[in-house]
Amino acid sequence: MIYIKLEDLFRVIELTLTFIGLIFIVFGWIIPYKQSLKMEKKRRESELEQQKRQWEKEQIDIQIAMFYGPISALLKEQNIVWQRIIYQLGRNCIFENNQFTINDLPEDEAKIWMHFVDMYKIPLNKKIVDIIRDNTHLVYKSEIPSCFNTFLDYTLGWELLDKQKRSGVPNYYEYHYCYNFPKEFTRYINNTLEILLVKQAELINSKELKSTVF
């Protein structure tokens, strides 16, 4: 039979308790450490997502402020003036079936139409062309729609023929162009602007996202 001295027994118990205490200390450190790592990872992911949303919103702000917003406003301005012209003429078109040139219109109607073309139609469309030319990088999803080319052809065609006429260059220009205004261009601009405004509102309402506009 093995006999253990009392003081050795106390020493064993003391060492055992010390060891158990160390185990608790180690686990008490490891668990909070792992939790802190997880929290730090979540915080970084949240910050990255926040930065991503902030960057996206800033891009949308610029697209609205410098591209789609101004173009939409110019199109609306032109349409408002156009509606006034239609009201003045008392019909929904300028040249009727039996009218093919500016000389076919009554003198007053010809003056009204020529004034609209020179003071509003060509200048407003030219402003839109300038915006497109200077800010093509702001096109939504970097996808140039075909209606842009149609609008450019329409606008530059008017401008070219008008300048030729003013310079005495012979052409077929009679204050109307052979193509109708590309309505698909207006639809694209307004529809895309609406999409961007919705996205902007969603991002503004995102948790802790700071607005760069309001």
C-alpha atoms as a PDB file:
ATOM      1  CA  MET A   1       0.000   0.000   0.000  1.00  0.00           C
ATOM      2  CA  ILE A   2       1.330   3.396  -0.987  1.00  0.00           C
ATOM      3  CA  TYR A   3       1.125   6.156   1.586  1.00  0.00           C
ATOM      4  CA  ILE A   4       1.080   9.816   0.567  1.00  0.00           C
ATOM      5  CA  LYS A   5       2.169  12.454   2.960  1.00  0.00           C
ATOM      6  CA  LEU A   6      -0.458  15.033   3.794  1.00  0.00           C
ATOM      7  CA  GLU A   7       1.665  17.928   2.600  1.00  0.00           C
ATOM      8  CA  ASP A   8       2.295  16.132  -0.732  1.00  0.00           C
ATOM      9  CA  LEU A   9      -1.431  15.639  -1.081  1.00  0.00           C
ATOM     10  CA  PHE A  10      -2.030  19.326  -0.516  1.00  0.00           C
ATOM     11  CA  ARG A  11       0.668  20.101  -3.080  1.00  0.00           C
ATOM     12  CA  VAL A  12      -0.998  17.842  -5.653  1.00  0.00           C
ATOM     13  CA  ILE A  13      -4.360  19.430  -4.959  1.00  0.00           C
ATOM     14  CA  GLU A  14      -2.800  22.888  -5.243  1.00  0.00           C
ATOM     15  CA  LEU A  15      -1.129  22.025  -8.536  1.00  0.00           C
ATOM     16  CA  THR A  16      -4.352  20.524  -9.839  1.00  0.00           C
ATOM     17  CA  LEU A  17      -6.339  23.594  -8.927  1.00  0.00           C
ATOM     18  CA  THR A  18      -3.660  25.800 -10.476  1.00  0.00           C
ATOM     19  CA  PHE A  19      -3.784  23.752 -13.675  1.00  0.00           C
ATOM     20  CA  ILE A  20      -7.571  23.920 -13.787  1.00  0.00           C
ATOM     21  CA  GLY A  21      -7.372  27.666 -13.224  1.00  0.00           C
ATOM     22  CA  LEU A  22      -4.927  28.032 -16.102  1.00  0.00           C
ATOM     23  CA  ILE A  23      -7.292  26.068 -18.335  1.00  0.00           C
ATOM     24  CA  PHE A  24     -10.139  28.420 -17.433  1.00  0.00           C
ATOM     25  CA  ILE A  25      -7.897  31.406 -18.070  1.00  0.00           C
ATOM     26  CA  VAL A  26      -6.816  30.092 -21.482  1.00  0.00           C
ATOM     27  CA  PHE A  27     -10.362  29.270 -22.559  1.00  0.00           C
ATOM     28  CA  GLY A  28     -11.574  32.514 -21.053  1.00  0.00           C
ATOM     29  CA  TRP A  29      -9.120  34.338 -23.336  1.00  0.00           C
ATOM     30  CA  ILE A  30      -9.554  32.231 -26.480  1.00  0.00           C
ATOM     31  CA  ILE A  31     -13.347  32.462 -26.643  1.00  0.00           C
ATOM     32  CA  PRO A  32     -13.521  36.280 -26.365  1.00  0.00           C
ATOM     33  CA  TYR A  33     -10.601  36.528 -28.800  1.00  0.00           C
ATOM     34  CA  LYS A  34     -12.415  34.421 -31.377  1.00  0.00           C
ATOM     35  CA  GLN A  35     -15.566  36.461 -30.824  1.00  0.00           C
ATOM     36  CA  SER A  36     -13.604  39.678 -31.284  1.00  0.00           C
ATOM     37  CA  LEU A  37     -12.144  38.331 -34.539  1.00  0.00           C
ATOM     38  CA  LYS A  38     -15.625  37.523 -35.806  1.00  0.00           C
ATOM     39  CA  MET A  39     -16.899  40.952 -34.781  1.00  0.00           C
ATOM     40  CA  GLU A  40     -13.934  42.646 -36.458  1.00  0.00           C
ATOM     41  CA  LYS A  41     -14.545  40.663 -39.638  1.00  0.00           C
ATOM     42  CA  LYS A  42     -18.210  41.650 -39.643  1.00  0.00           C
ATOM     43  CA  ARG A  43     -17.256  45.275 -38.987  1.00  0.00           C
ATOM     44  CA  ARG A  44     -14.838  45.308 -41.922  1.00  0.00           C
ATOM     45  CA  GLU A  45     -17.383  43.641 -44.195  1.00  0.00           C
ATOM     46  CA  SER A  46     -19.979  46.187 -43.092  1.00  0.00           C
ATOM     47  CA  GLU A  47     -17.561  49.060 -43.760  1.00  0.00           C
ATOM     48  CA  LEU A  48     -16.720  47.687 -47.210  1.00  0.00           C
ATOM     49  CA  GLU A  49     -20.406  47.297 -48.032  1.00  0.00           C
ATOM     50  CA  GLN A  50     -21.033  50.811 -46.734  1.00  0.00           C
ATOM     51  CA  GLN A  51     -18.210  52.203 -48.868  1.00  0.00           C
ATOM     52  CA  LYS A  52     -19.557  50.318 -51.873  1.00  0.00           C
ATOM     53  CA  ARG A  53     -23.056  51.768 -51.378  1.00  0.00           C
ATOM     54  CA  GLN A  54     -21.612  55.234 -50.810  1.00  0.00           C
ATOM     55  CA  TRP A  55     -19.558  55.009 -54.006  1.00  0.00           C
ATOM     56  CA  GLU A  56     -22.582  53.729 -55.938  1.00  0.00           C
ATOM     57  CA  LYS A  57     -24.746  56.562 -54.658  1.00  0.00           C
ATOM     58  CA  GLU A  58     -22.125  59.176 -55.515  1.00  0.00           C
ATOM     59  CA  GLN A  59     -21.972  57.790 -59.059  1.00  0.00           C
ATOM     60  CA  ILE A  60     -25.770  57.899 -59.338  1.00  0.00           C
ATOM     61  CA  ASP A  61     -25.812  61.451 -57.958  1.00  0.00           C
ATOM     62  CA  ILE A  62     -23.428  62.513 -60.715  1.00  0.00           C
ATOM     63  CA  GLN A  63     -25.373  60.654 -63.418  1.00  0.00           C
ATOM     64  CA  ILE A  64     -28.581  62.385 -62.340  1.00  0.00           C
ATOM     65  CA  ALA A  65     -27.050  65.835 -61.812  1.00  0.00           C
ATOM     66  CA  MET A  66     -24.844  66.008 -64.910  1.00  0.00           C
ATOM     67  CA  PHE A  67     -26.444  63.737 -67.495  1.00  0.00           C
ATOM     68  CA  TYR A  68     -29.961  62.318 -67.254  1.00  0.00           C
ATOM     69  CA  GLY A  69     -31.431  65.144 -65.163  1.00  0.00           C
ATOM     70  CA  PRO A  70     -30.316  68.024 -67.434  1.00  0.00           C
ATOM     71  CA  ILE A  71     -31.217  66.162 -70.641  1.00  0.00           C
ATOM     72  CA  SER A  72     -34.667  65.284 -69.298  1.00  0.00           C
ATOM     73  CA  ALA A  73     -35.200  68.913 -68.268  1.00  0.00           C
ATOM     74  CA  LEU A  74     -34.236  70.174 -71.736  1.00  0.00           C
ATOM     75  CA  LEU A  75     -36.554  67.669 -73.411  1.00  0.00           C
ATOM     76  CA  LYS A  76     -39.402  68.784 -71.160  1.00  0.00           C
ATOM     77  CA  GLU A  77     -38.629  72.426 -71.882  1.00  0.00           C
ATOM     78  CA  GLN A  78     -38.729  71.797 -75.611  1.00  0.00           C
ATOM     79  CA  ASN A  79     -41.991  69.870 -75.310  1.00  0.00           C
ATOM     80  CA  ILE A  80     -43.612  72.675 -73.298  1.00  0.00           C
ATOM     81  CA  VAL A  81     -42.689  75.227 -75.976  1.00  0.00           C
ATOM     82  CA  TRP A  82     -43.801  72.798 -78.696  1.00  0.00           C
ATOM     83  CA  GLN A  83     -47.216  72.473 -77.065  1.00  0.00           C
ATOM     84  CA  ARG A  84     -47.531  76.271 -77.107  1.00  0.00           C
ATOM     85  CA  ILE A  85     -46.733  76.303 -80.822  1.00  0.00           C
ATOM     86  CA  ILE A  86     -49.341  73.639 -81.495  1.00  0.00           C
ATOM     87  CA  TYR A  87     -51.854  75.638 -79.493  1.00  0.00           C
ATOM     88  CA  GLN A  88     -51.062  78.778 -81.498  1.00  0.00           C
ATOM     89  CA  LEU A  89     -51.495  76.964 -84.804  1.00  0.00           C
ATOM     90  CA  GLY A  90     -54.650  75.194 -83.650  1.00  0.00           C
ATOM     91  CA  ARG A  91     -53.610  71.713 -84.850  1.00  0.00           C
ATOM     92  CA  ASN A  92     -51.361  68.834 -83.804  1.00  0.00           C
ATOM     93  CA  CYS A  93     -48.884  69.119 -86.677  1.00  0.00           C
ATOM     94  CA  ILE A  94     -47.003  71.836 -88.537  1.00  0.00           C
ATOM     95  CA  PHE A  95     -47.149  70.760 -92.165  1.00  0.00           C
ATOM     96  CA  GLU A  96     -50.464  69.259 -93.223  1.00  0.00           C
ATOM     97  CA  ASN A  97     -50.937  66.839 -96.112  1.00  0.00           C
ATOM     98  CA  ASN A  98     -50.953  69.527 -98.772  1.00  0.00           C
ATOM     99  CA  GLN A  99     -48.055  71.473 -97.265  1.00  0.00           C
ATOM    100  CA  PHE A 100     -44.463  70.517 -98.070  1.00  0.00           C
ATOM    101  CA  THR A 101     -42.356  73.676 -97.729  1.00  0.00           C
ATOM    102  CA  ILE A 102     -42.244  76.678 -95.442  1.00  0.00           C
ATOM    103  CA  ASN A 103     -43.785  78.727 -98.255  1.00  0.00           C
ATOM    104  CA  ASP A 104     -46.902  76.542 -98.130  1.00  0.00           C
ATOM    105  CA  LEU A 105     -47.703  77.887 -94.662  1.00  0.00           C
ATOM    106  CA  PRO A 106     -49.560  81.165 -94.105  1.00  0.00           C
ATOM    107  CA  GLU A 107     -47.080  83.969 -93.388  1.00  0.00           C
ATOM    108  CA  ASP A 108     -47.890  84.201 -89.657  1.00  0.00           C
ATOM    109  CA  GLU A 109     -47.658  80.435 -89.181  1.00  0.00           C
ATOM    110  CA  ALA A 110     -44.351  80.351 -91.051  1.00  0.00           C
ATOM    111  CA  LYS A 111     -42.938  83.031 -88.740  1.00  0.00           C
ATOM    112  CA  ILE A 112     -44.146  81.176 -85.639  1.00  0.00           C
ATOM    113  CA  TRP A 113     -42.557  77.922 -86.785  1.00  0.00           C
ATOM    114  CA  MET A 114     -39.284  79.489 -87.951  1.00  0.00           C
ATOM    115  CA  HIS A 115     -38.963  81.339 -84.649  1.00  0.00           C
ATOM    116  CA  PHE A 116     -39.469  78.101 -82.718  1.00  0.00           C
ATOM    117  CA  VAL A 117     -36.894  76.241 -84.815  1.00  0.00           C
ATOM    118  CA  ASP A 118     -34.243  78.961 -84.579  1.00  0.00           C
ATOM    119  CA  MET A 119     -34.759  79.984 -80.955  1.00  0.00           C
ATOM    120  CA  TYR A 120     -35.740  76.720 -79.270  1.00  0.00           C
ATOM    121  CA  LYS A 121     -35.603  73.515 -81.307  1.00  0.00           C
ATOM    122  CA  ILE A 122     -32.056  73.699 -82.666  1.00  0.00           C
ATOM    123  CA  PRO A 123     -30.467  75.395 -79.598  1.00  0.00           C
ATOM    124  CA  LEU A 124     -32.089  73.039 -77.077  1.00  0.00           C
ATOM    125  CA  ASN A 125     -31.167  69.944 -79.064  1.00  0.00           C
ATOM    126  CA  LYS A 126     -27.619  71.305 -79.424  1.00  0.00           C
ATOM    127  CA  LYS A 127     -27.368  71.634 -75.630  1.00  0.00           C
ATOM    128  CA  ILE A 128     -28.393  67.988 -75.303  1.00  0.00           C
ATOM    129  CA  VAL A 129     -25.756  66.956 -77.846  1.00  0.00           C
ATOM    130  CA  ASP A 130     -23.122  68.886 -75.870  1.00  0.00           C
ATOM    131  CA  ILE A 131     -24.104  67.071 -72.660  1.00  0.00           C
ATOM    132  CA  ILE A 132     -23.884  63.685 -74.395  1.00  0.00           C
ATOM    133  CA  ARG A 133     -20.529  64.529 -75.962  1.00  0.00           C
ATOM    134  CA  ASP A 134     -18.968  65.761 -72.711  1.00  0.00           C
ATOM    135  CA  ASN A 135     -20.421  63.099 -70.404  1.00  0.00           C
ATOM    136  CA  THR A 136     -20.633  59.845 -72.337  1.00  0.00           C
ATOM    137  CA  HIS A 137     -18.808  58.159 -69.440  1.00  0.00           C
ATOM    138  CA  LEU A 138     -21.916  58.732 -67.319  1.00  0.00           C
ATOM    139  CA  VAL A 139     -24.199  56.598 -69.480  1.00  0.00           C
ATOM    140  CA  TYR A 140     -26.068  54.079 -67.333  1.00  0.00           C
ATOM    141  CA  LYS A 141     -24.270  50.695 -67.208  1.00  0.00           C
ATOM    142  CA  SER A 142     -21.829  52.070 -69.827  1.00  0.00           C
ATOM    143  CA  GLU A 143     -24.203  50.858 -72.558  1.00  0.00           C
ATOM    144  CA  ILE A 144     -24.686  53.358 -75.382  1.00  0.00           C
ATOM    145  CA  PRO A 145     -28.270  52.880 -76.661  1.00  0.00           C
ATOM    146  CA  SER A 146     -28.980  53.036 -80.398  1.00  0.00           C
ATOM    147  CA  CYS A 147     -31.378  55.935 -79.850  1.00  0.00           C
ATOM    148  CA  PHE A 148     -28.347  58.149 -79.110  1.00  0.00           C
ATOM    149  CA  ASN A 149     -27.157  57.811 -82.699  1.00  0.00           C
ATOM    150  CA  THR A 150     -30.682  58.422 -83.971  1.00  0.00           C
ATOM    151  CA  PHE A 151     -30.941  61.584 -81.903  1.00  0.00           C
ATOM    152  CA  LEU A 152     -27.507  62.813 -83.020  1.00  0.00           C
ATOM    153  CA  ASP A 153     -28.400  62.239 -86.661  1.00  0.00           C
ATOM    154  CA  TYR A 154     -31.676  64.084 -86.198  1.00  0.00           C
ATOM    155  CA  THR A 155     -30.167  67.035 -84.337  1.00  0.00           C
ATOM    156  CA  LEU A 156     -27.036  67.475 -86.447  1.00  0.00           C
ATOM    157  CA  GLY A 157     -29.108  67.093 -89.607  1.00  0.00           C
ATOM    158  CA  TRP A 158     -31.288  70.036 -88.592  1.00  0.00           C
ATOM    159  CA  GLU A 159     -28.276  72.118 -87.600  1.00  0.00           C
ATOM    160  CA  LEU A 160     -26.317  71.368 -90.773  1.00  0.00           C
ATOM    161  CA  LEU A 161     -29.171  72.217 -93.130  1.00  0.00           C
ATOM    162  CA  ASP A 162     -30.097  75.341 -91.188  1.00  0.00           C
ATOM    163  CA  LYS A 163     -26.520  76.673 -91.289  1.00  0.00           C
ATOM    164  CA  GLN A 164     -26.252  75.857 -94.979  1.00  0.00           C
ATOM    165  CA  LYS A 165     -29.448  77.786 -95.668  1.00  0.00           C
ATOM    166  CA  ARG A 166     -28.220  80.787 -93.698  1.00  0.00           C
ATOM    167  CA  SER A 167     -24.922  80.704 -95.620  1.00  0.00           C
ATOM    168  CA  GLY A 168     -26.621  80.544 -99.008  1.00  0.00           C
ATOM    169  CA  VAL A 169     -25.675  76.935 -99.627  1.00  0.00           C
ATOM    170  CA  PRO A 170     -28.354  75.318-101.806  1.00  0.00           C
ATOM    171  CA  ASN A 171     -30.169  72.442-100.140  1.00  0.00           C
ATOM    172  CA  TYR A 172     -33.653  71.044 -99.616  1.00  0.00           C
ATOM    173  CA  TYR A 173     -34.105  72.611 -96.170  1.00  0.00           C
ATOM    174  CA  GLU A 174     -37.576  74.064 -95.656  1.00  0.00           C
ATOM    175  CA  TYR A 175     -37.572  74.361 -91.885  1.00  0.00           C
ATOM    176  CA  HIS A 176     -38.366  70.730 -91.497  1.00  0.00           C
ATOM    177  CA  TYR A 177     -36.209  67.632 -91.483  1.00  0.00           C
ATOM    178  CA  CYS A 178     -36.911  64.372 -93.285  1.00  0.00           C
ATOM    179  CA  TYR A 179     -36.951  62.398 -90.013  1.00  0.00           C
ATOM    180  CA  ASN A 180     -39.380  62.709 -87.138  1.00  0.00           C
ATOM    181  CA  PHE A 181     -38.099  63.440 -83.661  1.00  0.00           C
ATOM    182  CA  PRO A 182     -36.838  60.140 -82.141  1.00  0.00           C
ATOM    183  CA  LYS A 183     -39.344  59.585 -79.337  1.00  0.00           C
ATOM    184  CA  GLU A 184     -37.437  56.488 -78.210  1.00  0.00           C
ATOM    185  CA  PHE A 185     -34.634  58.835 -77.105  1.00  0.00           C
ATOM    186  CA  THR A 186     -37.002  60.721 -74.792  1.00  0.00           C
ATOM    187  CA  ARG A 187     -38.387  57.449 -73.421  1.00  0.00           C
ATOM    188  CA  TYR A 188     -34.894  56.137 -72.739  1.00  0.00           C
ATOM    189  CA  ILE A 189     -33.779  59.297 -70.934  1.00  0.00           C
ATOM    190  CA  ASN A 190     -36.894  59.575 -68.758  1.00  0.00           C
ATOM    191  CA  ASN A 191     -37.079  55.838 -67.972  1.00  0.00           C
ATOM    192  CA  THR A 192     -33.404  55.686 -67.025  1.00  0.00           C
ATOM    193  CA  LEU A 193     -33.724  58.822 -64.909  1.00  0.00           C
ATOM    194  CA  GLU A 194     -36.611  57.203 -63.038  1.00  0.00           C
ATOM    195  CA  ILE A 195     -34.543  54.054 -62.427  1.00  0.00           C
ATOM    196  CA  LEU A 196     -31.653  56.120 -61.068  1.00  0.00           C
ATOM    197  CA  LEU A 197     -33.920  58.176 -58.814  1.00  0.00           C
ATOM    198  CA  VAL A 198     -35.364  54.984 -57.323  1.00  0.00           C
ATOM    199  CA  LYS A 199     -31.884  53.558 -56.757  1.00  0.00           C
ATOM    200  CA  GLN A 200     -30.772  56.851 -55.237  1.00  0.00           C
ATOM    201  CA  ALA A 201     -33.696  56.843 -52.794  1.00  0.00           C
ATOM    202  CA  GLU A 202     -32.974  53.238 -51.808  1.00  0.00           C
ATOM    203  CA  LEU A 203     -29.329  54.044 -51.116  1.00  0.00           C
ATOM    204  CA  ILE A 204     -30.199  57.173 -49.147  1.00  0.00           C
ATOM    205  CA  ASN A 205     -32.469  55.063 -46.951  1.00  0.00           C
ATOM    206  CA  SER A 206     -29.759  52.443 -46.421  1.00  0.00           C
ATOM    207  CA  LYS A 207     -28.586  52.142 -42.826  1.00  0.00           C
ATOM    208  CA  GLU A 208     -26.124  54.891 -41.860  1.00  0.00           C
ATOM    209  CA  LEU A 209     -25.570  55.916 -45.469  1.00  0.00           C
ATOM    210  CA  LYS A 210     -24.741  59.591 -45.702  1.00  0.00           C
ATOM    211  CA  SER A 211     -26.273  61.505 -48.587  1.00  0.00           C
ATOM    212  CA  THR A 212     -24.002  63.564 -50.817  1.00  0.00           C
ATOM    213  CA  VAL A 213     -26.930  65.545 -52.208  1.00  0.00           C
ATOM    214  CA  PHE A 214     -29.404  66.421 -49.462  1.00  0.00           C
END
